[in-house]
């Protein structure tokens, strides 16, 4: 899920560590720890700025937003599931 800012919003997309931490609702030291542990994305190369969309994407990933229930069912798994259902009904 991509969060888009309204076209007339002048809020900067790139933010410093203090604002990034506030944006996440955590302290600066916690934000730094999360970056060091790869829980949050690193600053954009050559800057000390974070992209709000990258932060949003990582928070979505951490919270499980936009993640499906797992890998798609394989043909073999589907066949077994259908076979077991037929057996349970006594028709297979």
PDB file of N, CA and C in Angstrom:
ATOM      1  N   UNK A   1       0.845  -1.167   0.000  1.00  0.00           N
ATOM      2  CA  UNK A   1       0.000   0.000   0.000  1.00  0.00           C
ATOM      3  C   UNK A   1       0.894   1.235   0.000  1.00  0.00           C
ATOM      4  N   UNK A   2       0.677   2.127  -0.949  1.00  0.00           N
ATOM      5  CA  UNK A   2       1.473   3.334  -1.058  1.00  0.00           C
ATOM      6  C   UNK A   2       0.634   4.502  -0.594  1.00  0.00           C
ATOM      7  N   UNK A   3       1.171   5.247   0.353  1.00  0.00           N
ATOM      8  CA  UNK A   3       0.484   6.416   0.855  1.00  0.00           C
ATOM      9  C   UNK A   3       0.931   7.623   0.054  1.00  0.00           C
ATOM     10  N   UNK A   4       0.010   8.325  -0.519  1.00  0.00           N
ATOM     11  CA  UNK A   4       0.334   9.494  -1.329  1.00  0.00           C
ATOM     12  C   UNK A   4      -0.109  10.747  -0.587  1.00  0.00           C
ATOM     13  N   UNK A   5       0.723  11.770  -0.690  1.00  0.00           N
ATOM     14  CA  UNK A   5       0.368  13.044  -0.093  1.00  0.00           C
ATOM     15  C   UNK A   5      -0.479  13.823  -1.085  1.00  0.00           C
ATOM     16  N   UNK A   6      -1.428  14.629  -0.602  1.00  0.00           N
ATOM     17  CA  UNK A   6      -2.202  15.456  -1.517  1.00  0.00           C
ATOM     18  C   UNK A   6      -1.279  16.370  -2.321  1.00  0.00           C
ATOM     19  N   UNK A   7      -1.684  16.694  -3.543  1.00  0.00           N
ATOM     20  CA  UNK A   7      -0.857  17.512  -4.432  1.00  0.00           C
ATOM     21  C   UNK A   7      -0.535  18.882  -3.839  1.00  0.00           C
ATOM     22  N   UNK A   8      -1.418  19.418  -3.023  1.00  0.00           N
ATOM     23  CA  UNK A   8      -1.203  20.748  -2.457  1.00  0.00           C
ATOM     24  C   UNK A   8      -0.504  20.716  -1.099  1.00  0.00           C
ATOM     25  N   UNK A   9      -0.072  19.552  -0.661  1.00  0.00           N
ATOM     26  CA  UNK A   9       0.609  19.417   0.632  1.00  0.00           C
ATOM     27  C   UNK A   9       2.079  19.767   0.457  1.00  0.00           C
ATOM     28  N   UNK A  10       2.553  20.762   1.179  1.00  0.00           N
ATOM     29  CA  UNK A  10       3.948  21.200   1.076  1.00  0.00           C
ATOM     30  C   UNK A  10       4.854  20.529   2.104  1.00  0.00           C
ATOM     31  N   UNK A  11       4.355  19.496   2.767  1.00  0.00           N
ATOM     32  CA  UNK A  11       5.153  18.780   3.752  1.00  0.00           C
ATOM     33  C   UNK A  11       6.280  18.045   3.020  1.00  0.00           C
ATOM     34  N   UNK A  12       7.525  18.210   3.485  1.00  0.00           N
ATOM     35  CA  UNK A  12       8.619  17.519   2.794  1.00  0.00           C
ATOM     36  C   UNK A  12       8.530  16.008   2.933  1.00  0.00           C
ATOM     37  N   UNK A  13       8.880  15.326   1.856  1.00  0.00           N
ATOM     38  CA  UNK A  13       8.877  13.863   1.870  1.00  0.00           C
ATOM     39  C   UNK A  13      10.110  13.337   2.595  1.00  0.00           C
ATOM     40  N   UNK A  14      11.225  14.033   2.487  1.00  0.00           N
ATOM     41  CA  UNK A  14      12.451  13.629   3.172  1.00  0.00           C
ATOM     42  C   UNK A  14      12.512  14.336   4.517  1.00  0.00           C
ATOM     43  N   UNK A  15      12.832  13.566   5.551  1.00  0.00           N
ATOM     44  CA  UNK A  15      12.867  14.126   6.895  1.00  0.00           C
ATOM     45  C   UNK A  15      14.121  13.658   7.623  1.00  0.00           C
ATOM     46  N   UNK A  16      14.560  14.461   8.581  1.00  0.00           N
ATOM     47  CA  UNK A  16      15.729  14.128   9.385  1.00  0.00           C
ATOM     48  C   UNK A  16      15.389  13.108  10.463  1.00  0.00           C
ATOM     49  N   UNK A  17      16.421  12.677  11.186  1.00  0.00           N
ATOM     50  CA  UNK A  17      16.260  11.634  12.214  1.00  0.00           C
ATOM     51  C   UNK A  17      15.225  12.031  13.270  1.00  0.00           C
ATOM     52  N   UNK A  18      15.290  13.250  13.761  1.00  0.00           N
ATOM     53  CA  UNK A  18      14.365  13.689  14.807  1.00  0.00           C
ATOM     54  C   UNK A  18      12.924  13.627  14.313  1.00  0.00           C
ATOM     55  N   UNK A  19      12.692  14.141  13.104  1.00  0.00           N
ATOM     56  CA  UNK A  19      11.337  14.118  12.546  1.00  0.00           C
ATOM     57  C   UNK A  19      10.901  12.700  12.183  1.00  0.00           C
ATOM     58  N   UNK A  20      11.843  11.890  11.721  1.00  0.00           N
ATOM     59  CA  UNK A  20      11.521  10.500  11.389  1.00  0.00           C
ATOM     60  C   UNK A  20      11.089   9.737  12.646  1.00  0.00           C
ATOM     61  N   UNK A  21      11.806   9.963  13.732  1.00  0.00           N
ATOM     62  CA  UNK A  21      11.451   9.316  14.992  1.00  0.00           C
ATOM     63  C   UNK A  21      10.070   9.778  15.455  1.00  0.00           C
ATOM     64  N   UNK A  22       9.829  11.080  15.370  1.00  0.00           N
ATOM     65  CA  UNK A  22       8.525  11.625  15.763  1.00  0.00           C
ATOM     66  C   UNK A  22       7.424  11.081  14.855  1.00  0.00           C
ATOM     67  N   UNK A  23       7.717  10.961  13.575  1.00  0.00           N
ATOM     68  CA  UNK A  23       6.758  10.416  12.609  1.00  0.00           C
ATOM     69  C   UNK A  23       6.350   8.996  12.991  1.00  0.00           C
ATOM     70  N   UNK A  24       7.308   8.219  13.516  1.00  0.00           N
ATOM     71  CA  UNK A  24       7.032   6.853  13.947  1.00  0.00           C
ATOM     72  C   UNK A  24       6.457   6.795  15.359  1.00  0.00           C
ATOM     73  N   UNK A  25       6.526   7.903  16.067  1.00  0.00           N
ATOM     74  CA  UNK A  25       6.014   7.925  17.430  1.00  0.00           C
ATOM     75  C   UNK A  25       6.958   7.297  18.435  1.00  0.00           C
ATOM     76  N   UNK A  26       8.257   7.338  18.129  1.00  0.00           N
ATOM     77  CA  UNK A  26       9.262   6.754  19.021  1.00  0.00           C
ATOM     78  C   UNK A  26      10.364   7.780  19.266  1.00  0.00           C
ATOM     79  N   UNK A  27      11.214   7.505  20.232  1.00  0.00           N
ATOM     80  CA  UNK A  27      12.319   8.398  20.536  1.00  0.00           C
ATOM     81  C   UNK A  27      13.431   8.274  19.488  1.00  0.00           C
ATOM     82  N   UNK A  28      14.286   9.290  19.434  1.00  0.00           N
ATOM     83  CA  UNK A  28      15.393   9.293  18.483  1.00  0.00           C
ATOM     84  C   UNK A  28      16.336   8.108  18.700  1.00  0.00           C
ATOM     85  N   UNK A  29      16.627   7.794  19.948  1.00  0.00           N
ATOM     86  CA  UNK A  29      17.543   6.679  20.208  1.00  0.00           C
ATOM     87  C   UNK A  29      16.922   5.351  19.768  1.00  0.00           C
ATOM     88  N   UNK A  30      15.619   5.199  19.969  1.00  0.00           N
ATOM     89  CA  UNK A  30      14.944   3.994  19.508  1.00  0.00           C
ATOM     90  C   UNK A  30      14.956   3.924  17.988  1.00  0.00           C
ATOM     91  N   UNK A  31      14.711   5.054  17.334  1.00  0.00           N
ATOM     92  CA  UNK A  31      14.748   5.084  15.872  1.00  0.00           C
ATOM     93  C   UNK A  31      16.140   4.685  15.371  1.00  0.00           C
ATOM     94  N   UNK A  32      17.173   5.222  16.005  1.00  0.00           N
ATOM     95  CA  UNK A  32      18.548   4.874  15.622  1.00  0.00           C
ATOM     96  C   UNK A  32      18.807   3.386  15.791  1.00  0.00           C
ATOM     97  N   UNK A  33      18.292   2.810  16.871  1.00  0.00           N
ATOM     98  CA  UNK A  33      18.440   1.376  17.109  1.00  0.00           C
ATOM     99  C   UNK A  33      17.708   0.581  16.036  1.00  0.00           C
ATOM    100  N   UNK A  34      16.506   1.004  15.683  1.00  0.00           N
ATOM    101  CA  UNK A  34      15.737   0.327  14.650  1.00  0.00           C
ATOM    102  C   UNK A  34      16.453   0.385  13.298  1.00  0.00           C
ATOM    103  N   UNK A  35      17.080   1.518  13.005  1.00  0.00           N
ATOM    104  CA  UNK A  35      17.844   1.634  11.747  1.00  0.00           C
ATOM    105  C   UNK A  35      19.037   0.687  11.795  1.00  0.00           C
ATOM    106  N   UNK A  36      19.748   0.666  12.921  1.00  0.00           N
ATOM    107  CA  UNK A  36      20.919  -0.207  13.063  1.00  0.00           C
ATOM    108  C   UNK A  36      20.534  -1.676  12.949  1.00  0.00           C
ATOM    109  N   UNK A  37      19.326  -2.038  13.421  1.00  0.00           N
ATOM    110  CA  UNK A  37      18.844  -3.424  13.379  1.00  0.00           C
ATOM    111  C   UNK A  37      18.038  -3.733  12.115  1.00  0.00           C
ATOM    112  N   UNK A  38      18.023  -2.777  11.179  1.00  0.00           N
ATOM    113  CA  UNK A  38      17.329  -2.929   9.891  1.00  0.00           C
ATOM    114  C   UNK A  38      15.819  -3.048  10.032  1.00  0.00           C
ATOM    115  N   UNK A  39      15.299  -2.607  11.163  1.00  0.00           N
ATOM    116  CA  UNK A  39      13.849  -2.565  11.325  1.00  0.00           C
ATOM    117  C   UNK A  39      13.288  -1.375  10.548  1.00  0.00           C
ATOM    118  N   UNK A  40      14.068  -0.321  10.455  1.00  0.00           N
ATOM    119  CA  UNK A  40      13.747   0.863   9.668  1.00  0.00           C
ATOM    120  C   UNK A  40      14.781   0.989   8.558  1.00  0.00           C
ATOM    121  N   UNK A  41      14.392   1.611   7.437  1.00  0.00           N
ATOM    122  CA  UNK A  41      15.358   1.776   6.345  1.00  0.00           C
ATOM    123  C   UNK A  41      16.476   2.730   6.748  1.00  0.00           C
ATOM    124  N   UNK A  42      17.594   2.604   6.064  1.00  0.00           N
ATOM    125  CA  UNK A  42      18.716   3.516   6.288  1.00  0.00           C
ATOM    126  C   UNK A  42      18.390   4.870   5.656  1.00  0.00           C
ATOM    127  N   UNK A  43      19.135   5.871   6.060  1.00  0.00           N
ATOM    128  CA  UNK A  43      19.001   7.183   5.436  1.00  0.00           C
ATOM    129  C   UNK A  43      19.366   7.057   3.961  1.00  0.00           C
ATOM    130  N   UNK A  44      18.841   7.948   3.153  1.00  0.00           N
ATOM    131  CA  UNK A  44      19.183   7.956   1.733  1.00  0.00           C
ATOM    132  C   UNK A  44      20.678   8.205   1.611  1.00  0.00           C
ATOM    133  N   UNK A  45      21.322   7.418   0.759  1.00  0.00           N
ATOM    134  CA  UNK A  45      22.779   7.501   0.596  1.00  0.00           C
ATOM    135  C   UNK A  45      23.226   8.936   0.337  1.00  0.00           C
ATOM    136  N   UNK A  46      24.251   9.341   1.082  1.00  0.00           N
ATOM    137  CA  UNK A  46      24.811  10.673   0.921  1.00  0.00           C
ATOM    138  C   UNK A  46      24.041  11.764   1.645  1.00  0.00           C
ATOM    139  N   UNK A  47      23.027  11.368   2.405  1.00  0.00           N
ATOM    140  CA  UNK A  47      22.230  12.355   3.150  1.00  0.00           C
ATOM    141  C   UNK A  47      22.034  11.869   4.576  1.00  0.00           C
ATOM    142  N   UNK A  48      21.421  12.689   5.340  1.00  0.00           N
ATOM    143  CA  UNK A  48      20.967  12.299   6.677  1.00  0.00           C
ATOM    144  C   UNK A  48      19.456  12.446   6.722  1.00  0.00           C
ATOM    145  N   UNK A  49      18.827  12.033   5.638  1.00  0.00           N
ATOM    146  CA  UNK A  49      17.376  12.164   5.480  1.00  0.00           C
ATOM    147  C   UNK A  49      16.752  10.807   5.184  1.00  0.00           C
ATOM    148  N   UNK A  50      15.539  10.618   5.678  1.00  0.00           N
ATOM    149  CA  UNK A  50      14.761   9.408   5.450  1.00  0.00           C
ATOM    150  C   UNK A  50      13.552   9.753   4.601  1.00  0.00           C
ATOM    151  N   UNK A  51      13.181   8.811   3.761  1.00  0.00           N
ATOM    152  CA  UNK A  51      12.015   8.963   2.904  1.00  0.00           C
ATOM    153  C   UNK A  51      10.794   8.476   3.680  1.00  0.00           C
ATOM    154  N   UNK A  52       9.789   9.331   3.815  1.00  0.00           N
ATOM    155  CA  UNK A  52       8.581   8.949   4.563  1.00  0.00           C
ATOM    156  C   UNK A  52       7.923   7.715   3.959  1.00  0.00           C
ATOM    157  N   UNK A  53       7.942   7.599   2.640  1.00  0.00           N
ATOM    158  CA  UNK A  53       7.302   6.452   2.001  1.00  0.00           C
ATOM    159  C   UNK A  53       8.046   5.159   2.328  1.00  0.00           C
ATOM    160  N   UNK A  54       9.370   5.237   2.421  1.00  0.00           N
ATOM    161  CA  UNK A  54      10.151   4.050   2.795  1.00  0.00           C
ATOM    162  C   UNK A  54       9.842   3.654   4.239  1.00  0.00           C
ATOM    163  N   UNK A  55       9.687   4.650   5.091  1.00  0.00           N
ATOM    164  CA  UNK A  55       9.316   4.375   6.484  1.00  0.00           C
ATOM    165  C   UNK A  55       7.926   3.748   6.533  1.00  0.00           C
ATOM    166  N   UNK A  56       6.983   4.319   5.769  1.00  0.00           N
ATOM    167  CA  UNK A  56       5.625   3.765   5.722  1.00  0.00           C
ATOM    168  C   UNK A  56       5.643   2.320   5.250  1.00  0.00           C
ATOM    169  N   UNK A  57       6.424   2.047   4.206  1.00  0.00           N
ATOM    170  CA  UNK A  57       6.496   0.682   3.664  1.00  0.00           C
ATOM    171  C   UNK A  57       7.034  -0.286   4.706  1.00  0.00           C
ATOM    172  N   UNK A  58       8.052   0.135   5.438  1.00  0.00           N
ATOM    173  CA  UNK A  58       8.634  -0.747   6.455  1.00  0.00           C
ATOM    174  C   UNK A  58       7.649  -0.960   7.597  1.00  0.00           C
ATOM    175  N   UNK A  59       6.941   0.094   8.000  1.00  0.00           N
ATOM    176  CA  UNK A  59       5.935  -0.050   9.064  1.00  0.00           C
ATOM    177  C   UNK A  59       4.801  -0.966   8.603  1.00  0.00           C
ATOM    178  N   UNK A  60       4.393  -0.842   7.337  1.00  0.00           N
ATOM    179  CA  UNK A  60       3.368  -1.739   6.798  1.00  0.00           C
ATOM    180  C   UNK A  60       3.843  -3.183   6.875  1.00  0.00           C
ATOM    181  N   UNK A  61       5.105  -3.399   6.518  1.00  0.00           N
ATOM    182  CA  UNK A  61       5.676  -4.752   6.545  1.00  0.00           C
ATOM    183  C   UNK A  61       5.713  -5.301   7.971  1.00  0.00           C
ATOM    184  N   UNK A  62       6.152  -4.487   8.906  1.00  0.00           N
ATOM    185  CA  UNK A  62       6.254  -4.908  10.305  1.00  0.00           C
ATOM    186  C   UNK A  62       4.876  -5.237  10.883  1.00  0.00           C
ATOM    187  N   UNK A  63       3.890  -4.405  10.541  1.00  0.00           N
ATOM    188  CA  UNK A  63       2.554  -4.599  11.119  1.00  0.00           C
ATOM    189  C   UNK A  63       1.730  -5.637  10.373  1.00  0.00           C
ATOM    190  N   UNK A  64       2.223  -6.084   9.226  1.00  0.00           N
ATOM    191  CA  UNK A  64       1.507  -7.098   8.474  1.00  0.00           C
ATOM    192  C   UNK A  64       0.513  -6.561   7.472  1.00  0.00           C
ATOM    193  N   UNK A  65       0.476  -5.258   7.289  1.00  0.00           N
ATOM    194  CA  UNK A  65      -0.430  -4.666   6.305  1.00  0.00           C
ATOM    195  C   UNK A  65       0.077  -5.018   4.911  1.00  0.00           C
ATOM    196  N   UNK A  66      -0.828  -5.486   4.074  1.00  0.00           N
ATOM    197  CA  UNK A  66      -0.473  -5.770   2.690  1.00  0.00           C
ATOM    198  C   UNK A  66       0.247  -7.086   2.488  1.00  0.00           C
ATOM    199  N   UNK A  67       0.361  -7.881   3.525  1.00  0.00           N
ATOM    200  CA  UNK A  67       1.006  -9.180   3.399  1.00  0.00           C
ATOM    201  C   UNK A  67      -0.078 -10.236   3.327  1.00  0.00           C
ATOM    202  N   UNK A  68       0.030 -11.139   2.340  1.00  0.00           N
ATOM    203  CA  UNK A  68      -0.989 -12.182   2.223  1.00  0.00           C
ATOM    204  C   UNK A  68      -0.778 -13.255   3.287  1.00  0.00           C
ATOM    205  N   UNK A  69      -1.605 -14.254   3.246  1.00  0.00           N
ATOM    206  CA  UNK A  69      -1.569 -15.298   4.265  1.00  0.00           C
ATOM    207  C   UNK A  69      -0.450 -16.309   4.065  1.00  0.00           C
ATOM    208  N   UNK A  70       0.364 -16.106   3.093  1.00  0.00           N
ATOM    209  CA  UNK A  70       1.458 -17.031   2.849  1.00  0.00           C
ATOM    210  C   UNK A  70       1.594 -17.318   1.378  1.00  0.00           C
ATOM    211  N   UNK A  71       2.460 -18.245   1.054  1.00  0.00           N
ATOM    212  CA  UNK A  71       2.664 -18.573  -0.347  1.00  0.00           C
ATOM    213  C   UNK A  71       1.415 -19.185  -0.964  1.00  0.00           C
ATOM    214  N   UNK A  72       1.281 -19.004  -2.275  1.00  0.00           N
ATOM    215  CA  UNK A  72       0.127 -19.545  -2.978  1.00  0.00           C
ATOM    216  C   UNK A  72       0.135 -21.074  -2.896  1.00  0.00           C
ATOM    217  N   UNK A  73      -1.046 -21.637  -2.938  1.00  0.00           N
ATOM    218  CA  UNK A  73      -1.201 -23.081  -2.886  1.00  0.00           C
ATOM    219  C   UNK A  73      -0.670 -23.686  -4.183  1.00  0.00           C
ATOM    220  N   UNK A  74       0.148 -24.710  -4.067  1.00  0.00           N
ATOM    221  CA  UNK A  74       0.671 -25.393  -5.251  1.00  0.00           C
ATOM    222  C   UNK A  74      -0.402 -26.325  -5.809  1.00  0.00           C
ATOM    223  N   UNK A  75      -0.190 -26.788  -7.039  1.00  0.00           N
ATOM    224  CA  UNK A  75      -1.134 -27.730  -7.652  1.00  0.00           C
ATOM    225  C   UNK A  75      -1.256 -29.003  -6.815  1.00  0.00           C
ATOM    226  N   UNK A  76      -0.113 -29.481  -6.303  1.00  0.00           N
ATOM    227  CA  UNK A  76      -0.133 -30.690  -5.481  1.00  0.00           C
ATOM    228  C   UNK A  76      -0.922 -30.462  -4.195  1.00  0.00           C
ATOM    229  N   UNK A  77      -0.697 -29.326  -3.558  1.00  0.00           N
ATOM    230  CA  UNK A  77      -1.444 -29.020  -2.336  1.00  0.00           C
ATOM    231  C   UNK A  77      -2.947 -28.924  -2.610  1.00  0.00           C
ATOM    232  N   UNK A  78      -3.309 -28.314  -3.736  1.00  0.00           N
ATOM    233  CA  UNK A  78      -4.727 -28.203  -4.107  1.00  0.00           C
ATOM    234  C   UNK A  78      -5.312 -29.593  -4.336  1.00  0.00           C
ATOM    235  N   UNK A  79      -4.600 -30.446  -5.068  1.00  0.00           N
ATOM    236  CA  UNK A  79      -5.068 -31.802  -5.333  1.00  0.00           C
ATOM    237  C   UNK A  79      -5.290 -32.566  -4.035  1.00  0.00           C
ATOM    238  N   UNK A  80      -4.306 -32.471  -3.119  1.00  0.00           N
ATOM    239  CA  UNK A  80      -4.438 -33.172  -1.833  1.00  0.00           C
ATOM    240  C   UNK A  80      -5.626 -32.653  -1.022  1.00  0.00           C
ATOM    241  N   UNK A  81      -5.797 -31.333  -1.005  1.00  0.00           N
ATOM    242  CA  UNK A  81      -6.909 -30.746  -0.267  1.00  0.00           C
ATOM    243  C   UNK A  81      -8.233 -31.228  -0.828  1.00  0.00           C
ATOM    244  N   UNK A  82      -8.355 -31.210  -2.165  1.00  0.00           N
ATOM    245  CA  UNK A  82      -9.598 -31.659  -2.798  1.00  0.00           C
ATOM    246  C   UNK A  82      -9.817 -33.161  -2.595  1.00  0.00           C
ATOM    247  N   UNK A  83      -8.748 -33.936  -2.666  1.00  0.00           N
ATOM    248  CA  UNK A  83      -8.838 -35.380  -2.431  1.00  0.00           C
ATOM    249  C   UNK A  83      -9.328 -35.652  -1.019  1.00  0.00           C
ATOM    250  N   UNK A  84      -8.720 -34.952  -0.041  1.00  0.00           N
ATOM    251  CA  UNK A  84      -9.109 -35.159   1.352  1.00  0.00           C
ATOM    252  C   UNK A  84     -10.557 -34.754   1.589  1.00  0.00           C
ATOM    253  N   UNK A  85     -11.014 -33.706   0.903  1.00  0.00           N
ATOM    254  CA  UNK A  85     -12.407 -33.280   1.039  1.00  0.00           C
ATOM    255  C   UNK A  85     -13.341 -34.332   0.463  1.00  0.00           C
ATOM    256  N   UNK A  86     -12.967 -34.915  -0.692  1.00  0.00           N
ATOM    257  CA  UNK A  86     -13.795 -35.987  -1.293  1.00  0.00           C
ATOM    258  C   UNK A  86     -13.845 -37.204  -0.368  1.00  0.00           C
ATOM    259  N   UNK A  87     -12.681 -37.556   0.207  1.00  0.00           N
ATOM    260  CA  UNK A  87     -12.643 -38.705   1.128  1.00  0.00           C
ATOM    261  C   UNK A  87     -13.534 -38.474   2.345  1.00  0.00           C
ATOM    262  N   UNK A  88     -13.500 -37.243   2.832  1.00  0.00           N
ATOM    263  CA  UNK A  88     -14.305 -36.930   4.007  1.00  0.00           C
ATOM    264  C   UNK A  88     -15.797 -37.020   3.702  1.00  0.00           C
ATOM    265  N   UNK A  89     -16.164 -36.760   2.453  1.00  0.00           N
ATOM    266  CA  UNK A  89     -17.573 -36.861   2.040  1.00  0.00           C
ATOM    267  C   UNK A  89     -17.934 -38.281   1.627  1.00  0.00           C
ATOM    268  N   UNK A  90     -16.907 -39.137   1.528  1.00  0.00           N
ATOM    269  CA  UNK A  90     -17.164 -40.526   1.141  1.00  0.00           C
ATOM    270  C   UNK A  90     -17.322 -40.727  -0.348  1.00  0.00           C
ATOM    271  N   UNK A  91     -16.869 -39.742  -1.132  1.00  0.00           N
ATOM    272  CA  UNK A  91     -17.020 -39.860  -2.599  1.00  0.00           C
ATOM    273  C   UNK A  91     -15.683 -40.045  -3.290  1.00  0.00           C
ATOM    274  N   UNK A  92     -14.644 -40.310  -2.584  1.00  0.00           N
ATOM    275  CA  UNK A  92     -13.374 -40.384  -3.284  1.00  0.00           C
ATOM    276  C   UNK A  92     -12.504 -41.366  -2.677  1.00  0.00           C
TER     277      UNK A  92
END
